C-alpha atoms as a PDB file:
ATOM      1  CA  MET A   1      53.147 -15.027  -3.546  1.00  0.00           C
ATOM      2  CA  THR A   2      51.514 -18.152  -1.948  1.00  0.00           C
ATOM      3  CA  ALA A   3      49.917 -16.175   0.533  1.00  0.00           C
ATOM      4  CA  ILE A   4      48.462 -13.472  -1.667  1.00  0.00           C
ATOM      5  CA  PHE A   5      47.101 -16.088  -4.099  1.00  0.00           C
ATOM      6  CA  THR A   6      45.279 -17.474  -1.281  1.00  0.00           C
ATOM      7  CA  ILE A   7      43.481 -14.342  -0.202  1.00  0.00           C
ATOM      8  CA  PHE A   8      42.769 -13.305  -3.868  1.00  0.00           C
ATOM      9  CA  SER A   9      41.022 -16.596  -4.284  1.00  0.00           C
ATOM     10  CA  ALA A  10      39.281 -16.449  -0.791  1.00  0.00           C
ATOM     11  CA  MET A  11      37.894 -12.751  -1.963  1.00  0.00           C
ATOM     12  CA  LEU A  12      36.857 -14.449  -5.025  1.00  0.00           C
ATOM     13  CA  TRP A  13      34.947 -17.008  -3.300  1.00  0.00           C
ATOM     14  CA  LEU A  14      33.250 -14.238  -0.897  1.00  0.00           C
ATOM     15  CA  CYS A  15      32.274 -12.467  -3.880  1.00  0.00           C
ATOM     16  CA  HIS A  16      30.732 -15.518  -5.854  1.00  0.00           C
ATOM     17  CA  SER A  17      28.854 -16.320  -2.542  1.00  0.00           C
ATOM     18  CA  VAL A  18      27.118 -13.553  -2.253  1.00  0.00           C
ATOM     19  CA  TYR A  19      26.035 -13.392  -5.802  1.00  0.00           C
ATOM     20  CA  VAL A  20      25.116 -16.960  -5.574  1.00  0.00           C
ATOM     21  CA  LEU A  21      22.719 -15.856  -2.113  1.00  0.00           C
ATOM     22  CA  ALA A  22      21.229 -12.674  -3.738  1.00  0.00           C
ATOM     23  CA  GLU A  23      17.845 -13.357  -5.288  1.00  0.00           C
ATOM     24  CA  THR A  24      14.917 -11.322  -6.618  1.00  0.00           C
ATOM     25  CA  SER A  25      11.390 -11.180  -5.566  1.00  0.00           C
ATOM     26  CA  LEU A  26       8.385  -9.897  -6.923  1.00  0.00           C
ATOM     27  CA  ILE A  27       5.848  -8.644  -4.330  1.00  0.00           C
ATOM     28  CA  ALA A  28       2.254  -7.419  -4.983  1.00  0.00           C
ATOM     29  CA  THR A  29       1.374  -4.323  -3.433  1.00  0.00           C
ATOM     30  CA  ALA A  30      -1.550  -2.620  -2.825  1.00  0.00           C
ATOM     31  CA  ALA A  31      -1.393   1.002  -4.478  1.00  0.00           C
ATOM     32  CA  ASN A  32      -2.180   3.096  -1.078  1.00  0.00           C
ATOM     33  CA  PHE A  33       0.912   1.090   0.340  1.00  0.00           C
ATOM     34  CA  LEU A  34       3.302   1.794  -2.645  1.00  0.00           C
ATOM     35  CA  PRO A  35       5.173   5.294  -1.409  1.00  0.00           C
ATOM     36  CA  THR A  36       5.671   3.191   2.113  1.00  0.00           C
ATOM     37  CA  MET A  37       6.984   0.391   0.401  1.00  0.00           C
ATOM     38  CA  GLN A  38       9.241   2.070  -1.787  1.00  0.00           C
ATOM     39  CA  GLN A  39      11.169   3.927   1.642  1.00  0.00           C
ATOM     40  CA  LEU A  40      10.956  -0.144   2.893  1.00  0.00           C
ATOM     41  CA  VAL A  41      12.383  -1.321   0.078  1.00  0.00           C
ATOM     42  CA  ASP A  42      14.895   1.077   0.011  1.00  0.00           C
ATOM     43  CA  ASP A  43      16.404   0.346   3.100  1.00  0.00           C
ATOM     44  CA  PHE A  44      15.964  -3.706   3.049  1.00  0.00           C
ATOM     45  CA  GLU A  45      18.086  -3.484  -0.195  1.00  0.00           C
ATOM     46  CA  ALA A  46      20.673  -1.299   1.585  1.00  0.00           C
ATOM     47  CA  GLN A  47      21.193  -4.019   3.720  1.00  0.00           C
ATOM     48  CA  THR A  48      21.354  -7.219   1.956  1.00  0.00           C
ATOM     49  CA  PRO A  49      22.449  -8.353  -1.534  1.00  0.00           C
ATOM     50  CA  HIS A  50      19.003  -8.736  -2.979  1.00  0.00           C
ATOM     51  CA  LYS A  51      16.684  -7.238  -4.669  1.00  0.00           C
ATOM     52  CA  ILE A  52      12.941  -6.267  -4.494  1.00  0.00           C
ATOM     53  CA  ASN A  53      10.723  -5.918  -7.610  1.00  0.00           C
ATOM     54  CA  LEU A  54       7.178  -4.310  -7.174  1.00  0.00           C
ATOM     55  CA  SER A  55       3.837  -4.594  -8.684  1.00  0.00           C
ATOM     56  CA  VAL A  56       1.484  -2.170  -7.983  1.00  0.00           C
ATOM     57  CA  ALA A  57      -2.321  -1.693  -8.436  1.00  0.00           C
ATOM     58  CA  SER A  58      -5.642  -2.200  -6.422  1.00  0.00           C
ATOM     59  CA  SER A  59      -5.951  -5.262  -4.210  1.00  0.00           C
ATOM     60  CA  GLY A  60      -8.637  -6.715  -6.458  1.00  0.00           C
ATOM     61  CA  LYS A  61      -6.638  -6.629  -9.559  1.00  0.00           C
ATOM     62  CA  LEU A  62      -3.908  -7.777  -8.185  1.00  0.00           C
ATOM     63  CA  TYR A  63      -5.882 -10.652  -5.989  1.00  0.00           C
ATOM     64  CA  GLY A  64      -7.034 -11.436  -9.580  1.00  0.00           C
ATOM     65  CA  GLN A  65      -3.683 -11.651 -11.096  1.00  0.00           C
ATOM     66  CA  ILE A  66      -2.461 -13.763  -8.532  1.00  0.00           C
ATOM     67  CA  THR A  67      -5.468 -16.444  -9.177  1.00  0.00           C
ATOM     68  CA  ASN A  68      -4.651 -16.248 -12.979  1.00  0.00           C
ATOM     69  CA  GLY A  69      -1.510 -17.375 -12.387  1.00  0.00           C
ATOM     70  CA  ALA A  70       0.580 -14.295 -11.898  1.00  0.00           C
ATOM     71  CA  PRO A  71       4.389 -15.320 -10.740  1.00  0.00           C
ATOM     72  CA  PHE A  72       4.584 -13.052  -7.699  1.00  0.00           C
ATOM     73  CA  ASP A  73       6.100 -14.205  -4.424  1.00  0.00           C
ATOM     74  CA  ALA A  74       4.153 -12.365  -1.828  1.00  0.00           C
ATOM     75  CA  PHE A  75       1.117 -10.130  -1.537  1.00  0.00           C
ATOM     76  CA  PHE A  76       0.688  -6.856   0.591  1.00  0.00           C
ATOM     77  CA  SER A  77      -3.127  -6.364   0.117  1.00  0.00           C
ATOM     78  CA  ALA A  78      -5.131  -3.367   1.568  1.00  0.00           C
ATOM     79  CA  ASP A  79      -7.324  -5.916   3.377  1.00  0.00           C
ATOM     80  CA  GLN A  80      -7.593  -8.973   5.470  1.00  0.00           C
ATOM     81  CA  ASN A  81     -10.361 -10.419   3.088  1.00  0.00           C
ATOM     82  CA  MET A  82      -7.979 -11.073  -0.270  1.00  0.00           C
ATOM     83  CA  PRO A  83      -4.993 -13.183   1.469  1.00  0.00           C
ATOM     84  CA  LYS A  84      -7.100 -15.156   3.584  1.00  0.00           C
ATOM     85  CA  ARG A  85      -8.712 -16.562   0.213  1.00  0.00           C
ATOM     86  CA  LEU A  86      -5.934 -16.912  -1.450  1.00  0.00           C
ATOM     87  CA  ILE A  87      -4.982 -18.935   1.463  1.00  0.00           C
ATOM     88  CA  ALA A  88      -8.284 -21.003   1.181  1.00  0.00           C
ATOM     89  CA  GLU A  89      -7.607 -21.440  -2.553  1.00  0.00           C
ATOM     90  CA  ASN A  90      -4.302 -23.267  -1.544  1.00  0.00           C
ATOM     91  CA  LEU A  91      -2.398 -20.249  -3.741  1.00  0.00           C
ATOM     92  CA  ALA A  92      -0.651 -18.920  -0.351  1.00  0.00           C
ATOM     93  CA  MET A  93       1.024 -20.318   2.827  1.00  0.00           C
ATOM     94  CA  ARG A  94      -1.318 -20.655   5.813  1.00  0.00           C
ATOM     95  CA  ALA A  95       1.128 -19.709   8.484  1.00  0.00           C
ATOM     96  CA  SER A  96       2.374 -16.794   6.832  1.00  0.00           C
ATOM     97  CA  ARG A  97      -0.308 -14.485   6.642  1.00  0.00           C
ATOM     98  CA  PHE A  98      -0.147 -10.947   9.264  1.00  0.00           C
ATOM     99  CA  THR A  99      -1.364  -7.362   9.736  1.00  0.00           C
ATOM    100  CA  TYR A 100       1.419  -4.955   8.616  1.00  0.00           C
ATOM    101  CA  ALA A 101      -0.488  -1.480   8.826  1.00  0.00           C
ATOM    102  CA  SER A 102      -3.850  -0.504   9.519  1.00  0.00           C
ATOM    103  CA  GLY A 103      -4.729   2.732   7.652  1.00  0.00           C
ATOM    104  CA  ARG A 104      -6.462   5.673   7.816  1.00  0.00           C
ATOM    105  CA  LEU A 105      -8.878   8.081   5.451  1.00  0.00           C
ATOM    106  CA  VAL A 106      -8.407  11.642   4.430  1.00  0.00           C
ATOM    107  CA  ILE A 107     -10.305  14.123   2.556  1.00  0.00           C
ATOM    108  CA  TYR A 108      -7.773  15.783  -0.010  1.00  0.00           C
ATOM    109  CA  THR A 109      -7.992  18.281  -2.455  1.00  0.00           C
ATOM    110  CA  ASN A 110      -5.095  20.414  -4.616  1.00  0.00           C
ATOM    111  CA  LEU A 111      -7.788  23.479  -5.400  1.00  0.00           C
ATOM    112  CA  ALA A 112      -6.583  26.717  -3.394  1.00  0.00           C
ATOM    113  CA  GLU A 113      -9.932  28.503  -3.465  1.00  0.00           C
ATOM    114  CA  LEU A 114     -11.168  25.235  -1.562  1.00  0.00           C
ATOM    115  CA  MET A 115      -8.075  25.330   0.960  1.00  0.00           C
ATOM    116  CA  PRO A 116      -7.424  25.452   4.025  1.00  0.00           C
ATOM    117  CA  LEU A 117      -9.423  21.759   4.985  1.00  0.00           C
ATOM    118  CA  SER A 118     -10.733  22.209   8.690  1.00  0.00           C
ATOM    119  CA  PRO A 119     -12.919  20.123  10.847  1.00  0.00           C
ATOM    120  CA  ASP A 120     -15.963  22.500   9.714  1.00  0.00           C
ATOM    121  CA  ILE A 121     -15.769  20.765   6.365  1.00  0.00           C
ATOM    122  CA  LEU A 122     -17.409  17.733   7.818  1.00  0.00           C
ATOM    123  CA  SER A 123     -20.788  19.351   7.364  1.00  0.00           C
ATOM    124  CA  PHE A 124     -19.869  19.435   3.694  1.00  0.00           C
ATOM    125  CA  THR A 125     -21.387  22.812   3.174  1.00  0.00           C
ATOM    126  CA  LYS A 126     -18.580  23.163   0.541  1.00  0.00           C
ATOM    127  CA  LEU A 127     -19.007  19.619  -0.903  1.00  0.00           C
ATOM    128  CA  LYS A 128     -22.425  20.438  -2.210  1.00  0.00           C
ATOM    129  CA  VAL A 129     -20.832  21.191  -5.672  1.00  0.00           C
ATOM    130  CA  GLY A 130     -18.172  19.556  -7.289  1.00  0.00           C
ATOM    131  CA  GLN A 131     -16.807  15.957  -7.677  1.00  0.00           C
ATOM    132  CA  ILE A 132     -14.762  13.705  -5.110  1.00  0.00           C
ATOM    133  CA  ALA A 133     -12.439  11.128  -6.263  1.00  0.00           C
ATOM    134  CA  ILE A 134     -12.571   7.772  -4.362  1.00  0.00           C
ATOM    135  CA  ALA A 135     -11.279   4.092  -5.341  1.00  0.00           C
ATOM    136  CA  ASN A 136     -13.396   1.929  -6.793  1.00  0.00           C
ATOM    137  CA  PRO A 137     -14.908  -0.154  -4.321  1.00  0.00           C
ATOM    138  CA  GLN A 138     -15.617  -3.106  -5.996  1.00  0.00           C
ATOM    139  CA  LEU A 139     -11.494  -3.517  -6.919  1.00  0.00           C
ATOM    140  CA  ALA A 140      -9.978  -1.377  -3.485  1.00  0.00           C
ATOM    141  CA  PRO A 141     -10.891  -2.057   0.082  1.00  0.00           C
ATOM    142  CA  TYR A 142     -10.330   1.928   0.580  1.00  0.00           C
ATOM    143  CA  GLY A 143     -12.891   2.734  -1.724  1.00  0.00           C
ATOM    144  CA  ILE A 144     -15.224   0.404   0.324  1.00  0.00           C
ATOM    145  CA  ALA A 145     -14.227   2.851   3.564  1.00  0.00           C
ATOM    146  CA  ALA A 146     -14.859   5.487   1.708  1.00  0.00           C
ATOM    147  CA  ILE A 147     -18.278   4.283   0.679  1.00  0.00           C
ATOM    148  CA  GLU A 148     -19.171   3.426   4.314  1.00  0.00           C
ATOM    149  CA  ALA A 149     -17.829   7.232   5.859  1.00  0.00           C
ATOM    150  CA  LEU A 150     -20.171   8.967   3.228  1.00  0.00           C
ATOM    151  CA  LYS A 151     -23.169   6.885   4.338  1.00  0.00           C
ATOM    152  CA  ASN A 152     -22.065   7.425   7.841  1.00  0.00           C
ATOM    153  CA  LEU A 153     -22.077  11.083   7.732  1.00  0.00           C
ATOM    154  CA  ASN A 154     -25.379  10.642   5.773  1.00  0.00           C
ATOM    155  CA  LEU A 155     -23.966  12.051   2.720  1.00  0.00           C
ATOM    156  CA  ALA A 156     -23.934   9.450   0.213  1.00  0.00           C
ATOM    157  CA  ALA A 157     -27.636  10.650  -1.595  1.00  0.00           C
ATOM    158  CA  ASP A 158     -25.610  13.819  -1.694  1.00  0.00           C
ATOM    159  CA  PHE A 159     -22.718  12.552  -3.987  1.00  0.00           C
ATOM    160  CA  GLU A 160     -24.815  10.398  -5.966  1.00  0.00           C
ATOM    161  CA  GLY A 161     -23.834  11.210  -9.449  1.00  0.00           C
ATOM    162  CA  ARG A 162     -20.910  13.114  -8.483  1.00  0.00           C
ATOM    163  CA  LEU A 163     -18.086  10.502  -7.319  1.00  0.00           C
ATOM    164  CA  ILE A 164     -15.680   9.837  -9.634  1.00  0.00           C
ATOM    165  CA  TYR A 165     -14.391   5.903  -9.472  1.00  0.00           C
ATOM    166  CA  ALA A 166     -10.620   5.558  -9.871  1.00  0.00           C
ATOM    167  CA  GLU A 167      -9.000   2.621 -10.386  1.00  0.00           C
ATOM    168  CA  ASN A 168      -7.129   2.675  -6.996  1.00  0.00           C
ATOM    169  CA  VAL A 169      -6.196   5.381  -4.166  1.00  0.00           C
ATOM    170  CA  ALA A 170      -3.105   6.372  -6.249  1.00  0.00           C
ATOM    171  CA  GLN A 171      -5.130   6.981  -8.871  1.00  0.00           C
ATOM    172  CA  ALA A 172      -7.968   8.985  -7.091  1.00  0.00           C
ATOM    173  CA  TYR A 173      -5.471  11.165  -5.465  1.00  0.00           C
ATOM    174  CA  GLN A 174      -3.863  12.197  -9.155  1.00  0.00           C
ATOM    175  CA  PHE A 175      -7.486  12.947  -9.933  1.00  0.00           C
ATOM    176  CA  ALA A 176      -7.644  15.761  -7.043  1.00  0.00           C
ATOM    177  CA  ALA A 177      -4.296  16.831  -7.243  1.00  0.00           C
ATOM    178  CA  THR A 178      -4.266  17.556 -11.036  1.00  0.00           C
ATOM    179  CA  GLY A 179      -7.785  19.168 -10.444  1.00  0.00           C
ATOM    180  CA  ASN A 180      -9.874  16.614 -12.174  1.00  0.00           C
ATOM    181  CA  ALA A 181     -11.712  16.244  -8.595  1.00  0.00           C
ATOM    182  CA  HIS A 182     -12.409  18.582  -6.643  1.00  0.00           C
ATOM    183  CA  TYR A 183     -11.339  16.187  -3.701  1.00  0.00           C
ATOM    184  CA  ALA A 184     -10.893  12.600  -3.208  1.00  0.00           C
ATOM    185  CA  ILE A 185     -10.891  10.259  -0.095  1.00  0.00           C
ATOM    186  CA  VAL A 186      -7.752   8.770  -0.007  1.00  0.00           C
ATOM    187  CA  SER A 187      -4.750   7.109   2.008  1.00  0.00           C
ATOM    188  CA  LEU A 188      -3.101   9.262   4.918  1.00  0.00           C
ATOM    189  CA  SER A 189       0.171   7.801   4.198  1.00  0.00           C
ATOM    190  CA  GLN A 190       0.052   9.585   0.467  1.00  0.00           C
ATOM    191  CA  MET A 191       0.003  12.816   2.581  1.00  0.00           C
ATOM    192  CA  ALA A 192       3.597  12.699   2.861  1.00  0.00           C
ATOM    193  CA  GLY A 193       5.382  15.862   2.153  1.00  0.00           C
ATOM    194  CA  LEU A 194       2.097  18.073   1.706  1.00  0.00           C
ATOM    195  CA  GLU A 195       0.412  21.138   3.946  1.00  0.00           C
ATOM    196  CA  PRO A 196      -1.536  20.241   6.480  1.00  0.00           C
ATOM    197  CA  GLN A 197      -4.254  22.751   4.833  1.00  0.00           C
ATOM    198  CA  ASN A 198      -4.569  20.229   1.700  1.00  0.00           C
ATOM    199  CA  TYR A 199      -6.144  17.297   3.546  1.00  0.00           C
ATOM    200  CA  LEU A 200      -8.131  16.387   6.420  1.00  0.00           C
ATOM    201  CA  PRO A 201      -8.010  12.894   8.366  1.00  0.00           C
ATOM    202  CA  LEU A 202     -11.751  11.434   8.405  1.00  0.00           C
ATOM    203  CA  LEU A 203     -12.725   9.841  12.024  1.00  0.00           C
ATOM    204  CA  ALA A 204     -11.754   6.374  12.404  1.00  0.00           C
ATOM    205  CA  GLU A 205     -15.051   5.624  13.261  1.00  0.00           C
ATOM    206  CA  LEU A 206     -16.691   6.156  10.236  1.00  0.00           C
ATOM    207  CA  HIS A 207     -16.058   3.131   8.630  1.00  0.00           C
ATOM    208  CA  LYS A 208     -14.066  -0.467   9.257  1.00  0.00           C
ATOM    209  CA  PRO A 209     -10.719  -0.663  10.596  1.00  0.00           C
ATOM    210  CA  ILE A 210      -8.420  -0.925   7.504  1.00  0.00           C
ATOM    211  CA  LEU A 211      -6.184  -3.839   8.523  1.00  0.00           C
ATOM    212  CA  GLN A 212      -3.831  -4.603   6.103  1.00  0.00           C
ATOM    213  CA  ASP A 213      -2.308  -8.297   5.382  1.00  0.00           C
ATOM    214  CA  ALA A 214       0.611  -9.557   3.648  1.00  0.00           C
ATOM    215  CA  VAL A 215       0.940 -13.159   2.995  1.00  0.00           C
ATOM    216  CA  LEU A 216       3.267 -15.418   1.508  1.00  0.00           C
ATOM    217  CA  LEU A 217       2.564 -16.964  -1.893  1.00  0.00           C
ATOM    218  CA  ASN A 218       3.408 -20.350  -3.183  1.00  0.00           C
ATOM    219  CA  HIS A 219       5.844 -19.354  -5.659  1.00  0.00           C
ATOM    220  CA  GLY A 220       7.823 -17.421  -3.047  1.00  0.00           C
ATOM    221  CA  LYS A 221       8.301 -20.209  -0.159  1.00  0.00           C
ATOM    222  CA  ASN A 222      11.409 -20.974  -1.405  1.00  0.00           C
ATOM    223  CA  ASN A 223      12.612 -17.444  -2.533  1.00  0.00           C
ATOM    224  CA  ALA A 224      15.639 -16.269   0.414  1.00  0.00           C
ATOM    225  CA  ALA A 225      14.597 -12.687  -0.792  1.00  0.00           C
ATOM    226  CA  THR A 226      11.024 -12.658  -0.696  1.00  0.00           C
ATOM    227  CA  LEU A 227      11.584 -14.593   3.257  1.00  0.00           C
ATOM    228  CA  GLU A 228      13.870 -12.240   4.273  1.00  0.00           C
ATOM    229  CA  PHE A 229      12.083  -9.245   3.293  1.00  0.00           C
ATOM    230  CA  LEU A 230       9.055 -10.667   4.942  1.00  0.00           C
ATOM    231  CA  ALA A 231      10.951 -11.044   8.636  1.00  0.00           C
ATOM    232  CA  TYR A 232      12.120  -7.614   7.783  1.00  0.00           C
ATOM    233  CA  ILE A 233       8.832  -5.863   7.738  1.00  0.00           C
ATOM    234  CA  LYS A 234       8.312  -7.677  11.112  1.00  0.00           C
ATOM    235  CA  GLY A 235      11.021  -5.935  12.638  1.00  0.00           C
ATOM    236  CA  GLN A 236      11.276  -2.668  14.456  1.00  0.00           C
ATOM    237  CA  LYS A 237      13.073  -0.551  11.678  1.00  0.00           C
ATOM    238  CA  ALA A 238      10.424  -1.369   9.284  1.00  0.00           C
ATOM    239  CA  LYS A 239       7.365  -0.726  11.660  1.00  0.00           C
ATOM    240  CA  ASP A 240       8.965   2.958  12.327  1.00  0.00           C
ATOM    241  CA  ILE A 241       9.052   3.339   8.830  1.00  0.00           C
ATOM    242  CA  ILE A 242       5.357   2.289   8.431  1.00  0.00           C
ATOM    243  CA  THR A 243       4.041   4.247  11.525  1.00  0.00           C
ATOM    244  CA  GLY A 244       5.644   7.425  10.171  1.00  0.00           C
ATOM    245  CA  PHE A 245       3.496   7.605   6.942  1.00  0.00           C
ATOM    246  CA  GLY A 246       0.612   7.610   9.057  1.00  0.00           C
ATOM    247  CA  TYR A 247      -0.329   3.953   9.481  1.00  0.00           C
ATOM    248  CA  LYS A 248      -0.757   2.109  12.941  1.00  0.00           C
END
């Protein structure tokens, strides 16, 4: 009887210990990375007692929320500049910044009459009519890259007045997916599960590299879930998931 009681007590202690050690982290995530992040979170939560909650928006909007006191524990930006600024403003831990992904642009359509997209579309003869959705370059690094690509293709003037500015790349994708725009210039990572005829990757030389940095925010510096998740992101399993979505 004593042995049974001892075993039962040990089990209760173990359950209590796991409960005490389990923490919840709130992570700000750039919209382009959401599909990838969801898979990363699922994998991480399957291995640990921790819970990861996500807040998703354009990098610029998330940066504004952080500077206004939003209780995020970590920030996965779509660029390097905003994490650097948060460190300079003493809102993030200086030694914590690292590059977790390098993104690519694609041009995407969901209109059957415009498919398949093939390299000859880069003459953009089919794009002389219609609208193209991009993320707002004032808020989203992918919008900045899209504008740069159009300029390097000598097409910026052709699209003047025909660009639809979305709050982020997720919304830009939705505009094209629902037919409210003929095309969208978005992230390759958003093309998971789509047929190749729906999209065409743009040459990386058309824009500056889209290097995406993560940073530990002051609010999360003592949060075990946040610290373990950032360590997990640097591991090989996470890297394989990230590259599987088209990132470098």
